[in-house]
Protein backbone atom coordinates (compact mmCIF):
# COMPACT_ATOMS: atom_id res chain seq x y z
CA MET A 1 39.95 88.95 22.74
CA PRO A 2 41.33 90.36 25.90
CA LEU A 3 44.01 92.65 25.64
CA ILE A 4 46.74 93.16 28.72
CA ALA A 5 49.16 95.60 29.47
CA LEU A 6 52.08 93.97 32.04
CA THR A 7 54.71 96.70 33.13
CA GLY A 8 56.96 97.30 35.93
CA GLY A 9 60.48 98.42 36.99
CA ILE A 10 63.51 97.46 35.59
CA ALA A 11 64.11 94.06 37.52
CA SER A 12 60.85 94.13 39.11
CA GLY A 13 60.21 90.41 37.90
CA LYS A 14 57.89 91.60 35.01
CA SER A 15 59.86 88.70 32.65
CA THR A 16 58.77 86.36 34.83
CA ILE A 17 54.93 86.95 35.21
CA ALA A 18 55.44 87.40 31.12
CA ARG A 19 56.67 83.68 31.07
CA ARG A 20 54.26 82.21 33.46
CA LEU A 21 51.49 83.94 31.80
CA ALA A 22 52.71 82.75 28.07
CA GLU A 23 52.95 79.26 29.61
CA LEU A 24 49.09 79.18 30.75
CA GLY A 25 48.15 80.28 27.26
CA ALA A 26 48.48 83.90 26.65
CA VAL A 27 50.39 85.13 23.63
CA VAL A 28 52.67 87.74 25.09
CA VAL A 29 53.84 90.41 22.58
CA ASP A 30 57.39 91.41 24.07
CA ALA A 31 57.58 95.63 23.48
CA ASP A 32 61.62 95.15 23.99
CA GLN A 33 61.86 92.89 20.68
CA ILE A 34 59.15 94.49 18.63
CA VAL A 35 61.80 97.96 19.72
CA ARG A 36 64.89 95.57 18.36
CA ASP A 37 63.01 94.25 15.23
CA VAL A 38 61.88 97.91 14.19
CA GLN A 39 65.61 98.98 14.56
CA ALA A 40 67.05 96.03 12.69
CA PRO A 41 69.81 96.95 10.05
CA GLY A 42 68.47 98.34 6.74
CA SER A 43 64.80 99.40 8.45
CA ALA A 44 63.77 102.82 8.37
CA VAL A 45 63.71 103.53 11.93
CA LEU A 46 67.54 102.79 11.72
CA ALA A 47 68.79 104.86 8.86
CA ARG A 48 66.51 107.95 10.68
CA ILE A 49 68.20 107.52 13.91
CA GLU A 50 71.46 107.37 11.80
CA ASP A 51 70.39 110.50 10.26
CA VAL A 52 69.33 112.01 13.73
CA PHE A 53 72.06 110.98 15.85
CA GLY A 54 75.30 110.72 13.73
CA ALA A 55 76.82 107.54 12.42
CA ASP A 56 78.54 106.86 15.29
CA VAL A 57 75.49 105.22 16.46
CA ILE A 58 76.10 102.47 14.29
CA ASP A 59 78.29 99.54 14.35
CA ALA A 60 80.74 98.39 11.79
CA GLY A 61 78.09 95.86 11.10
CA GLY A 62 75.43 98.19 10.20
CA ALA A 63 73.45 96.92 13.45
CA LEU A 64 72.59 100.10 16.06
CA ASP A 65 75.26 100.48 18.33
CA ARG A 66 72.86 100.35 22.27
CA ALA A 67 75.53 101.52 23.80
CA ALA A 68 76.97 104.45 21.77
CA LEU A 69 72.97 105.62 21.52
CA GLY A 70 72.55 105.36 25.04
CA ALA A 71 75.09 107.73 25.79
CA LYS A 72 73.83 110.15 23.45
CA VAL A 73 70.25 110.09 25.15
CA PHE A 74 70.37 109.53 28.48
CA GLY A 75 70.12 111.66 31.29
CA ASP A 76 69.33 114.22 27.96
CA PRO A 77 65.31 114.58 27.96
CA GLU A 78 65.80 117.15 24.25
CA GLN A 79 67.48 113.88 23.10
CA LEU A 80 65.68 111.47 24.51
CA ALA A 81 62.31 112.78 23.18
CA ARG A 82 64.36 113.22 19.53
CA LEU A 83 64.44 109.14 19.82
CA ASN A 84 61.23 108.75 21.11
CA ALA A 85 59.56 110.49 18.67
CA ILE A 86 61.48 108.15 15.84
CA VAL A 87 60.96 104.72 17.57
CA HIS A 88 57.52 104.90 19.50
CA PRO A 89 55.19 105.36 16.26
CA ALA A 90 57.07 102.27 14.58
CA VAL A 91 56.51 100.47 17.70
CA ARG A 92 52.90 101.50 18.16
CA ALA A 93 52.37 100.09 14.53
CA GLU A 94 54.24 97.00 15.15
CA SER A 95 52.58 95.92 18.45
CA GLN A 96 48.78 96.82 16.81
CA ARG A 97 49.96 94.51 13.79
CA ARG A 98 50.83 91.85 16.17
CA PHE A 99 47.88 92.27 18.64
CA GLU A 100 45.69 91.48 15.23
CA GLU A 101 47.56 88.64 14.33
CA ALA A 102 46.88 87.03 17.58
CA ALA A 103 43.72 88.28 17.71
CA SER A 104 42.79 85.86 14.57
CA ALA A 105 43.53 82.79 16.20
CA GLY A 106 39.87 83.83 18.35
CA PRO A 107 37.90 85.38 20.90
CA GLU A 108 39.15 83.59 23.47
CA THR A 109 42.73 84.39 23.07
CA VAL A 110 44.28 86.34 25.92
CA VAL A 111 47.22 88.64 24.64
CA VAL A 112 49.79 90.04 26.65
CA TYR A 113 52.09 93.56 26.43
CA ASP A 114 55.07 93.22 28.25
CA VAL A 115 55.70 97.11 27.88
CA PRO A 116 58.37 98.53 30.16
CA LEU A 117 57.51 102.17 29.44
CA LEU A 118 53.62 102.09 29.49
CA VAL A 119 53.20 104.78 31.61
CA GLU A 120 55.47 107.21 29.40
CA ALA A 121 54.24 106.19 25.99
CA ARG A 122 50.69 103.98 26.11
CA VAL A 123 49.06 104.51 28.80
CA ASP A 124 46.03 105.59 27.57
CA ASP A 125 45.12 102.80 24.83
CA PRO A 126 42.45 101.01 24.93
CA TRP A 127 43.45 98.17 27.38
CA ASP A 128 41.03 95.80 29.08
CA LEU A 129 43.86 95.25 32.27
CA ILE A 130 46.70 96.96 33.37
CA LEU A 131 48.70 94.58 35.17
CA VAL A 132 51.57 95.64 37.36
CA ALA A 133 54.74 94.02 38.47
CA HIS A 134 55.90 95.54 41.83
CA ALA A 135 59.00 95.38 44.30
CA PRO A 136 60.16 97.75 46.02
CA ALA A 137 62.95 100.21 44.53
CA ASP A 138 65.65 98.80 47.63
CA GLU A 139 64.89 95.06 46.35
CA ARG A 140 65.17 96.04 42.42
CA ARG A 141 68.43 97.46 43.13
CA ARG A 142 69.67 94.85 45.26
CA ARG A 143 68.38 92.09 42.62
CA LEU A 144 70.60 94.33 39.71
CA VAL A 145 73.55 94.22 42.07
CA GLU A 146 73.39 90.46 43.03
CA LEU A 147 71.87 89.12 39.66
CA ARG A 148 73.11 91.39 36.96
CA GLY A 149 76.20 92.09 38.36
CA MET A 150 75.74 96.06 37.87
CA ALA A 151 77.72 98.46 40.55
CA GLU A 152 75.69 99.87 43.01
CA GLN A 153 75.37 103.23 41.53
CA ALA A 154 74.68 102.41 38.16
CA ALA A 155 71.95 100.17 39.48
CA GLN A 156 70.11 103.07 40.86
CA GLU A 157 70.68 105.67 38.32
CA ARG A 158 68.52 102.57 35.44
CA ILE A 159 66.02 102.98 39.09
CA ASP A 160 66.04 106.62 38.70
CA ALA A 161 65.57 107.28 35.11
CA GLN A 162 62.51 105.47 35.01
CA VAL A 163 58.79 106.65 36.57
CA SER A 164 58.61 106.31 39.92
CA ASP A 165 56.25 103.44 41.39
CA GLU A 166 53.80 105.08 42.63
CA ARG A 167 52.53 106.77 39.50
CA ARG A 168 53.18 103.09 37.87
CA LEU A 169 50.91 102.11 40.55
CA ALA A 170 48.11 104.73 40.26
CA ILE A 171 47.39 103.03 36.61
CA ALA A 172 47.15 99.23 38.19
CA ASP A 173 44.07 97.70 37.53
CA GLU A 174 45.85 94.58 39.00
CA VAL A 175 49.12 94.36 40.97
CA ILE A 176 51.22 91.31 41.64
CA GLU A 177 53.81 92.07 44.49
CA THR A 178 57.34 90.11 43.42
CA ALA A 179 59.27 91.01 46.86
CA GLY A 180 58.93 87.52 47.92
CA SER A 181 59.83 84.30 46.73
CA LEU A 182 59.39 83.16 43.03
CA GLU A 183 57.02 80.55 44.01
CA GLU A 184 54.64 83.27 45.16
CA THR A 185 54.71 85.02 42.26
CA ILE A 186 53.80 82.33 40.54
CA ARG A 187 51.03 81.87 42.54
CA GLN A 188 49.72 85.58 42.06
CA THR A 189 50.13 84.73 38.61
CA ASP A 190 47.94 81.92 38.25
CA ALA A 191 45.46 83.35 40.20
CA LEU A 192 45.07 86.23 38.02
CA TRP A 193 45.18 84.11 35.31
CA GLU A 194 42.22 82.19 36.69
CA ARG A 195 40.19 85.89 37.05
CA ILE A 196 40.55 86.07 33.69
CA ARG A 197 39.95 83.37 32.14
CA SER A 198 36.45 83.05 34.31
CA SER A 199 35.57 86.98 33.97
């Protein structure tokens, strides 16, 4: 079972590549969805977050108030490290469970782990391939402003809060350049899929 890590900075086109790989037959495991699942109301992870960060990070419905939690950890490396120590082990365990579940479909199954924080948290895992979606920071900032309605400064802060493009590209086995048209991104993804299937 080939196990591929797909990563990229915010607004890099990573989700477009993940969707295309799923259309082609890959099983895509979404790290962001796992984070939401392990922090669901009633979960041990959410209870621990409340213990550490206070009841004000839980909304009236008993769910995580992401904005309130973000305000406490964004820009504070020590607080962010405390949060990661709670969340990352649970995400790792659940992602492994989902990889194994996907593998039960047969050895030909291609599993793609769509993971924004690969460099920060999972780079040393035994991936068969690390795939990086890449667009220059200026292009990603433009997308955040024009397509997601962010203020210019907020967009830049989000980009700056992530690891650099250089660090991401340094771990890549394959890079899909996404600054061009959607068709060009799809073409590169299709070509990569053919290489994976024929290897």
